[in-house]
Amino acid sequence: MARKEKAEGRKGDDVAKYAALVTLTVTWFTVIKMLFNGQWSWFVLHPTLESLAMFLITYGIMTLQPTSQPRTKAAGLSRHQGAILFLGLPALLTGTFAIIMNKIDAGKPHFISWHSTLGIIAAGWIVFQVCIGGASVWLNGKAFGGPNKAKSVWKWHRFSGYVLFPLLLITVNLGGALSNWGQKNVWLPIRLIAYGLAPLVSWVAILSRVRYHPLLLDLLCY
């Protein structure tokens, strides 16, 4: 008789995705309103693609953690890579490129706000994060000398991701709630919900899925 797989889900698993969807919806609605008002520039790609990237990254994390069975782990990893590597990362980098081009066109200085400074740090970090994560699982960890060493690297990749995610959320908060764009285009109560409360809810929901004891043991046994 085939062994029945346990359900991997937990209560509230979709909360982070719904919270990210709130941010995505408010941002896209605001950008569409800007376009109808004739505000066409490189800038419109920035909030549009960055909010999409955050939704995909949130989904990519939620679909991978926690999984404990071989089949669900493999399926979760496949969805994780699809959401983050093939969709989320290109969206995030294109959105970053768009705001850089917008600054160049407008002749404005770069990286003079906390939003832009943390944003470029997060963009560089996530590229590094994706490279390390991919190298640790592709070709049976050959890039790190085999599966055992690659597994050790993967532990730190996971830990790094849990630090990077709140940095991304803080960047979203600064860009949406406190920026000139947010203050000019988004009504204050909506702004506080979409760029203040929603990122916080996403972070709490992600934390609720973390299995702290195995994660700490993995790091200590590196």
C-alpha atoms as a PDB file:
ATOM      1  CA  MET A   1       0.000   0.000   0.000  1.00  0.00           C
ATOM      2  CA  ALA A   2       1.367   3.422  -0.955  1.00  0.00           C
ATOM      3  CA  ARG A   3       2.225   5.637   1.948  1.00  0.00           C
ATOM      4  CA  LYS A   4      -0.163   8.545   2.299  1.00  0.00           C
ATOM      5  CA  GLU A   5       1.524  11.945   2.302  1.00  0.00           C
ATOM      6  CA  LYS A   6       0.819  14.352   5.118  1.00  0.00           C
ATOM      7  CA  ALA A   7      -0.641  17.721   4.264  1.00  0.00           C
ATOM      8  CA  GLU A   8       2.101  20.360   4.470  1.00  0.00           C
ATOM      9  CA  GLY A   9      -0.153  23.372   4.821  1.00  0.00           C
ATOM     10  CA  ARG A  10      -0.803  25.390   7.938  1.00  0.00           C
ATOM     11  CA  LYS A  11      -3.569  27.723   9.033  1.00  0.00           C
ATOM     12  CA  GLY A  12      -3.079  31.162   7.559  1.00  0.00           C
ATOM     13  CA  ASP A  13      -0.702  29.970   4.833  1.00  0.00           C
ATOM     14  CA  ASP A  14      -2.260  32.345   2.302  1.00  0.00           C
ATOM     15  CA  VAL A  15      -2.178  35.433   4.529  1.00  0.00           C
ATOM     16  CA  ALA A  16       1.208  36.661   3.271  1.00  0.00           C
ATOM     17  CA  LYS A  17       0.145  36.233  -0.359  1.00  0.00           C
ATOM     18  CA  TYR A  18      -3.091  38.148   0.222  1.00  0.00           C
ATOM     19  CA  ALA A  19      -1.192  40.935   1.979  1.00  0.00           C
ATOM     20  CA  ALA A  20       1.273  41.173  -0.915  1.00  0.00           C
ATOM     21  CA  LEU A  21      -1.687  41.174  -3.299  1.00  0.00           C
ATOM     22  CA  VAL A  22      -3.117  44.223  -1.495  1.00  0.00           C
ATOM     23  CA  THR A  23       0.130  46.114  -2.091  1.00  0.00           C
ATOM     24  CA  LEU A  24       0.234  44.958  -5.713  1.00  0.00           C
ATOM     25  CA  THR A  25      -3.383  45.966  -6.382  1.00  0.00           C
ATOM     26  CA  VAL A  26      -3.082  49.435  -4.828  1.00  0.00           C
ATOM     27  CA  THR A  27       0.170  50.088  -6.684  1.00  0.00           C
ATOM     28  CA  TRP A  28      -1.140  48.992 -10.063  1.00  0.00           C
ATOM     29  CA  PHE A  29      -4.378  50.943  -9.625  1.00  0.00           C
ATOM     30  CA  THR A  30      -2.347  54.059  -8.781  1.00  0.00           C
ATOM     31  CA  VAL A  31      -0.038  53.610 -11.765  1.00  0.00           C
ATOM     32  CA  ILE A  32      -2.973  53.052 -14.143  1.00  0.00           C
ATOM     33  CA  LYS A  33      -4.513  56.271 -12.816  1.00  0.00           C
ATOM     34  CA  MET A  34      -1.214  58.056 -13.501  1.00  0.00           C
ATOM     35  CA  LEU A  35      -1.150  56.720 -17.064  1.00  0.00           C
ATOM     36  CA  PHE A  36      -4.695  57.937 -17.714  1.00  0.00           C
ATOM     37  CA  ASN A  37      -3.534  61.351 -16.508  1.00  0.00           C
ATOM     38  CA  GLY A  38      -0.761  61.315 -19.102  1.00  0.00           C
ATOM     39  CA  GLN A  39       2.128  60.682 -16.710  1.00  0.00           C
ATOM     40  CA  TRP A  40       4.192  58.490 -19.027  1.00  0.00           C
ATOM     41  CA  SER A  41       7.833  57.944 -18.069  1.00  0.00           C
ATOM     42  CA  TRP A  42      10.333  55.293 -17.056  1.00  0.00           C
ATOM     43  CA  PHE A  43       9.076  55.764 -13.509  1.00  0.00           C
ATOM     44  CA  VAL A  44       5.742  53.989 -14.020  1.00  0.00           C
ATOM     45  CA  LEU A  45       7.601  50.716 -14.582  1.00  0.00           C
ATOM     46  CA  HIS A  46       9.298  50.980 -11.191  1.00  0.00           C
ATOM     47  CA  PRO A  47       6.392  50.613  -8.733  1.00  0.00           C
ATOM     48  CA  THR A  48       4.516  48.350 -11.151  1.00  0.00           C
ATOM     49  CA  LEU A  49       7.297  45.791 -11.529  1.00  0.00           C
ATOM     50  CA  GLU A  50       8.676  46.052  -7.996  1.00  0.00           C
ATOM     51  CA  SER A  51       5.259  45.346  -6.444  1.00  0.00           C
ATOM     52  CA  LEU A  52       4.821  42.419  -8.839  1.00  0.00           C
ATOM     53  CA  ALA A  53       8.273  41.143  -7.862  1.00  0.00           C
ATOM     54  CA  MET A  54       7.396  41.329  -4.156  1.00  0.00           C
ATOM     55  CA  PHE A  55       4.210  39.349  -4.732  1.00  0.00           C
ATOM     56  CA  LEU A  56       6.154  36.657  -6.608  1.00  0.00           C
ATOM     57  CA  ILE A  57       8.954  36.555  -4.031  1.00  0.00           C
ATOM     58  CA  THR A  58       6.417  36.225  -1.222  1.00  0.00           C
ATOM     59  CA  TYR A  59       4.693  33.385  -3.061  1.00  0.00           C
ATOM     60  CA  GLY A  60       8.062  31.734  -3.751  1.00  0.00           C
ATOM     61  CA  ILE A  61       8.925  31.708  -0.057  1.00  0.00           C
ATOM     62  CA  MET A  62       5.495  30.561   1.084  1.00  0.00           C
ATOM     63  CA  THR A  63       5.380  27.665  -1.365  1.00  0.00           C
ATOM     64  CA  LEU A  64       8.729  26.278  -0.204  1.00  0.00           C
ATOM     65  CA  GLN A  65       8.496  26.553   3.577  1.00  0.00           C
ATOM     66  CA  PRO A  66       7.722  24.342   5.322  1.00  0.00           C
ATOM     67  CA  THR A  67       8.027  21.168   3.257  1.00  0.00           C
ATOM     68  CA  SER A  68       9.332  17.939   4.756  1.00  0.00           C
ATOM     69  CA  GLN A  69       8.502  15.126   2.314  1.00  0.00           C
ATOM     70  CA  PRO A  70      10.494  14.310  -0.842  1.00  0.00           C
ATOM     71  CA  ARG A  71       7.702  14.890  -3.344  1.00  0.00           C
ATOM     72  CA  THR A  72       6.383  18.071  -1.744  1.00  0.00           C
ATOM     73  CA  LYS A  73       9.935  19.368  -1.320  1.00  0.00           C
ATOM     74  CA  ALA A  74      10.666  18.847  -5.022  1.00  0.00           C
ATOM     75  CA  ALA A  75       7.379  20.442  -6.067  1.00  0.00           C
ATOM     76  CA  GLY A  76       7.908  23.346  -3.674  1.00  0.00           C
ATOM     77  CA  LEU A  77      11.433  23.935  -4.956  1.00  0.00           C
ATOM     78  CA  SER A  78      10.184  23.951  -8.539  1.00  0.00           C
ATOM     79  CA  ARG A  79       7.525  26.557  -7.729  1.00  0.00           C
ATOM     80  CA  HIS A  80      10.030  28.532  -5.648  1.00  0.00           C
ATOM     81  CA  GLN A  81      12.493  28.752  -8.531  1.00  0.00           C
ATOM     82  CA  GLY A  82       9.786  29.537 -11.067  1.00  0.00           C
ATOM     83  CA  ALA A  83       8.310  32.359  -8.993  1.00  0.00           C
ATOM     84  CA  ILE A  84      11.564  33.965  -7.860  1.00  0.00           C
ATOM     85  CA  LEU A  85      14.245  33.110 -10.416  1.00  0.00           C
ATOM     86  CA  PHE A  86      12.263  33.170 -13.649  1.00  0.00           C
ATOM     87  CA  LEU A  87       9.622  35.803 -12.815  1.00  0.00           C
ATOM     88  CA  GLY A  88      10.320  37.764  -9.628  1.00  0.00           C
ATOM     89  CA  LEU A  89      14.006  38.518 -10.180  1.00  0.00           C
ATOM     90  CA  PRO A  90      13.602  39.764 -13.794  1.00  0.00           C
ATOM     91  CA  ALA A  91      10.691  41.967 -12.680  1.00  0.00           C
ATOM     92  CA  LEU A  92      12.687  43.389  -9.764  1.00  0.00           C
ATOM     93  CA  LEU A  93      15.793  44.102 -11.840  1.00  0.00           C
ATOM     94  CA  THR A  94      13.780  45.649 -14.681  1.00  0.00           C
ATOM     95  CA  GLY A  95      11.989  47.872 -12.164  1.00  0.00           C
ATOM     96  CA  THR A  96      15.348  48.902 -10.703  1.00  0.00           C
ATOM     97  CA  PHE A  97      16.713  49.654 -14.178  1.00  0.00           C
ATOM     98  CA  ALA A  98      13.612  51.742 -14.922  1.00  0.00           C
ATOM     99  CA  ILE A  99      14.061  54.023 -11.912  1.00  0.00           C
ATOM    100  CA  ILE A 100      17.749  54.477 -12.720  1.00  0.00           C
ATOM    101  CA  MET A 101      16.826  55.487 -16.276  1.00  0.00           C
ATOM    102  CA  ASN A 102      14.148  57.826 -14.929  1.00  0.00           C
ATOM    103  CA  LYS A 103      16.729  59.552 -12.718  1.00  0.00           C
ATOM    104  CA  ILE A 104      19.124  59.872 -15.659  1.00  0.00           C
ATOM    105  CA  ASP A 105      16.434  61.348 -17.918  1.00  0.00           C
ATOM    106  CA  ALA A 106      15.408  63.827 -15.221  1.00  0.00           C
ATOM    107  CA  GLY A 107      19.005  64.703 -14.351  1.00  0.00           C
ATOM    108  CA  LYS A 108      18.423  63.859 -10.698  1.00  0.00           C
ATOM    109  CA  PRO A 109      21.023  62.390  -8.306  1.00  0.00           C
ATOM    110  CA  HIS A 110      20.922  58.703  -7.393  1.00  0.00           C
ATOM    111  CA  PHE A 111      20.729  57.047  -3.971  1.00  0.00           C
ATOM    112  CA  ILE A 112      19.947  60.112  -1.865  1.00  0.00           C
ATOM    113  CA  SER A 113      17.050  58.549   0.073  1.00  0.00           C
ATOM    114  CA  TRP A 114      16.827  55.538   2.363  1.00  0.00           C
ATOM    115  CA  HIS A 115      14.387  53.950  -0.085  1.00  0.00           C
ATOM    116  CA  SER A 116      16.841  54.110  -2.985  1.00  0.00           C
ATOM    117  CA  THR A 117      19.861  53.131  -0.886  1.00  0.00           C
ATOM    118  CA  LEU A 118      18.196  50.103   0.696  1.00  0.00           C
ATOM    119  CA  GLY A 119      16.631  49.256  -2.660  1.00  0.00           C
ATOM    120  CA  ILE A 120      19.926  48.973  -4.518  1.00  0.00           C
ATOM    121  CA  ILE A 121      21.440  46.985  -1.623  1.00  0.00           C
ATOM    122  CA  ALA A 122      18.469  44.602  -1.699  1.00  0.00           C
ATOM    123  CA  ALA A 123      18.687  44.264  -5.494  1.00  0.00           C
ATOM    124  CA  GLY A 124      22.369  43.310  -5.323  1.00  0.00           C
ATOM    125  CA  TRP A 125      21.733  40.983  -2.391  1.00  0.00           C
ATOM    126  CA  ILE A 126      18.924  39.121  -4.150  1.00  0.00           C
ATOM    127  CA  VAL A 127      21.100  38.541  -7.233  1.00  0.00           C
ATOM    128  CA  PHE A 128      23.764  37.027  -4.965  1.00  0.00           C
ATOM    129  CA  GLN A 129      21.069  35.090  -3.089  1.00  0.00           C
ATOM    130  CA  VAL A 130      19.680  33.573  -6.285  1.00  0.00           C
ATOM    131  CA  CYS A 131      23.140  32.616  -7.574  1.00  0.00           C
ATOM    132  CA  ILE A 132      24.076  30.867  -4.321  1.00  0.00           C
ATOM    133  CA  GLY A 133      20.712  29.140  -4.047  1.00  0.00           C
ATOM    134  CA  GLY A 134      20.791  27.898  -7.625  1.00  0.00           C
ATOM    135  CA  ALA A 135      24.373  26.692  -7.400  1.00  0.00           C
ATOM    136  CA  SER A 136      23.574  24.731  -4.232  1.00  0.00           C
ATOM    137  CA  VAL A 137      20.790  22.676  -5.852  1.00  0.00           C
ATOM    138  CA  TRP A 138      21.613  22.465  -9.558  1.00  0.00           C
ATOM    139  CA  LEU A 139      23.725  19.581 -10.858  1.00  0.00           C
ATOM    140  CA  ASN A 140      23.579  17.954  -7.425  1.00  0.00           C
ATOM    141  CA  GLY A 141      25.579  20.776  -5.846  1.00  0.00           C
ATOM    142  CA  LYS A 142      28.567  20.319  -8.151  1.00  0.00           C
ATOM    143  CA  ALA A 143      29.505  24.011  -7.876  1.00  0.00           C
ATOM    144  CA  PHE A 144      30.273  23.518  -4.173  1.00  0.00           C
ATOM    145  CA  GLY A 145      31.970  20.150  -4.432  1.00  0.00           C
ATOM    146  CA  GLY A 146      29.026  17.792  -4.079  1.00  0.00           C
ATOM    147  CA  PRO A 147      25.679  17.401  -2.313  1.00  0.00           C
ATOM    148  CA  ASN A 148      26.960  17.405   1.267  1.00  0.00           C
ATOM    149  CA  LYS A 149      28.828  20.702   0.971  1.00  0.00           C
ATOM    150  CA  ALA A 150      26.009  22.172  -1.101  1.00  0.00           C
ATOM    151  CA  LYS A 151      23.512  21.262   1.626  1.00  0.00           C
ATOM    152  CA  SER A 152      25.568  23.248   4.125  1.00  0.00           C
ATOM    153  CA  VAL A 153      25.554  26.251   1.781  1.00  0.00           C
ATOM    154  CA  TRP A 154      21.793  25.892   1.306  1.00  0.00           C
ATOM    155  CA  LYS A 155      21.269  26.310   5.066  1.00  0.00           C
ATOM    156  CA  TRP A 156      22.903  29.726   4.946  1.00  0.00           C
ATOM    157  CA  HIS A 157      21.007  30.570   1.771  1.00  0.00           C
ATOM    158  CA  ARG A 158      17.764  30.014   3.694  1.00  0.00           C
ATOM    159  CA  PHE A 159      18.928  32.093   6.655  1.00  0.00           C
ATOM    160  CA  SER A 160      20.062  34.896   4.350  1.00  0.00           C
ATOM    161  CA  GLY A 161      16.660  34.865   2.678  1.00  0.00           C
ATOM    162  CA  TYR A 162      14.880  35.373   5.997  1.00  0.00           C
ATOM    163  CA  VAL A 163      17.053  38.456   6.591  1.00  0.00           C
ATOM    164  CA  LEU A 164      16.696  39.768   3.034  1.00  0.00           C
ATOM    165  CA  PHE A 165      12.895  39.525   2.950  1.00  0.00           C
ATOM    166  CA  PRO A 166      12.246  42.130   5.690  1.00  0.00           C
ATOM    167  CA  LEU A 167      14.799  44.422   4.023  1.00  0.00           C
ATOM    168  CA  LEU A 168      12.711  44.224   0.854  1.00  0.00           C
ATOM    169  CA  LEU A 169       9.558  44.935   2.866  1.00  0.00           C
ATOM    170  CA  ILE A 170      11.148  47.971   4.530  1.00  0.00           C
ATOM    171  CA  THR A 171      12.112  49.249   1.082  1.00  0.00           C
ATOM    172  CA  VAL A 172       8.493  48.807  -0.036  1.00  0.00           C
ATOM    173  CA  ASN A 173       7.302  50.685   3.041  1.00  0.00           C
ATOM    174  CA  LEU A 174       9.652  53.602   2.442  1.00  0.00           C
ATOM    175  CA  GLY A 175       8.825  53.772  -1.259  1.00  0.00           C
ATOM    176  CA  GLY A 176       5.062  53.552  -0.891  1.00  0.00           C
ATOM    177  CA  ALA A 177       4.217  55.126   2.462  1.00  0.00           C
ATOM    178  CA  LEU A 178       6.809  57.875   2.804  1.00  0.00           C
ATOM    179  CA  SER A 179       7.913  58.824  -0.715  1.00  0.00           C
ATOM    180  CA  ASN A 180       6.731  61.884  -2.627  1.00  0.00           C
ATOM    181  CA  TRP A 181       5.060  59.518  -5.108  1.00  0.00           C
ATOM    182  CA  GLY A 182       3.047  57.792  -2.402  1.00  0.00           C
ATOM    183  CA  GLN A 183       2.082  60.997  -0.622  1.00  0.00           C
ATOM    184  CA  LYS A 184       0.997  62.619  -3.876  1.00  0.00           C
ATOM    185  CA  ASN A 185      -0.921  59.725  -5.437  1.00  0.00           C
ATOM    186  CA  VAL A 186      -2.255  57.455  -2.673  1.00  0.00           C
ATOM    187  CA  TRP A 187      -4.805  58.466  -0.022  1.00  0.00           C
ATOM    188  CA  LEU A 188      -3.215  58.250   3.450  1.00  0.00           C
ATOM    189  CA  PRO A 189      -5.419  55.455   4.937  1.00  0.00           C
ATOM    190  CA  ILE A 190      -4.914  53.310   1.817  1.00  0.00           C
ATOM    191  CA  ARG A 191      -1.199  54.091   1.868  1.00  0.00           C
ATOM    192  CA  LEU A 192      -0.889  52.961   5.479  1.00  0.00           C
ATOM    193  CA  ILE A 193      -2.715  49.703   4.735  1.00  0.00           C
ATOM    194  CA  ALA A 194      -0.926  48.869   1.470  1.00  0.00           C
ATOM    195  CA  TYR A 195       2.601  49.937   2.401  1.00  0.00           C
ATOM    196  CA  GLY A 196       2.562  49.782   6.191  1.00  0.00           C
ATOM    197  CA  LEU A 197       0.204  47.088   7.430  1.00  0.00           C
ATOM    198  CA  ALA A 198       0.361  44.699   4.451  1.00  0.00           C
ATOM    199  CA  PRO A 199       4.186  44.302   4.478  1.00  0.00           C
ATOM    200  CA  LEU A 200       4.079  43.745   8.248  1.00  0.00           C
ATOM    201  CA  VAL A 201       1.387  41.080   7.860  1.00  0.00           C
ATOM    202  CA  SER A 202       3.448  39.388   5.129  1.00  0.00           C
ATOM    203  CA  TRP A 203       6.487  39.265   7.407  1.00  0.00           C
ATOM    204  CA  VAL A 204       4.546  37.874  10.374  1.00  0.00           C
ATOM    205  CA  ALA A 205       2.934  35.244   8.132  1.00  0.00           C
ATOM    206  CA  ILE A 206       6.338  34.183   6.782  1.00  0.00           C
ATOM    207  CA  LEU A 207       7.736  33.958  10.320  1.00  0.00           C
ATOM    208  CA  SER A 208       4.798  31.790  11.366  1.00  0.00           C
ATOM    209  CA  ARG A 209       5.917  29.125   8.876  1.00  0.00           C
ATOM    210  CA  VAL A 210       9.560  29.010   9.924  1.00  0.00           C
ATOM    211  CA  ARG A 211      10.607  25.885  11.821  1.00  0.00           C
ATOM    212  CA  TYR A 212      13.087  27.603  14.091  1.00  0.00           C
ATOM    213  CA  HIS A 213      14.489  24.571  15.882  1.00  0.00           C
ATOM    214  CA  PRO A 214      15.592  22.677  12.724  1.00  0.00           C
ATOM    215  CA  LEU A 215      16.864  25.920  11.168  1.00  0.00           C
ATOM    216  CA  LEU A 216      19.023  26.781  14.185  1.00  0.00           C
ATOM    217  CA  LEU A 217      20.302  23.217  14.441  1.00  0.00           C
ATOM    218  CA  ASP A 218      21.244  23.278  10.756  1.00  0.00           C
ATOM    219  CA  LEU A 219      23.173  26.537  11.179  1.00  0.00           C
ATOM    220  CA  LEU A 220      24.952  25.372  14.340  1.00  0.00           C
ATOM    221  CA  CYS A 221      25.919  22.089  12.690  1.00  0.00           C
ATOM    222  CA  TYR A 222      27.445  23.829   9.653  1.00  0.00           C
END
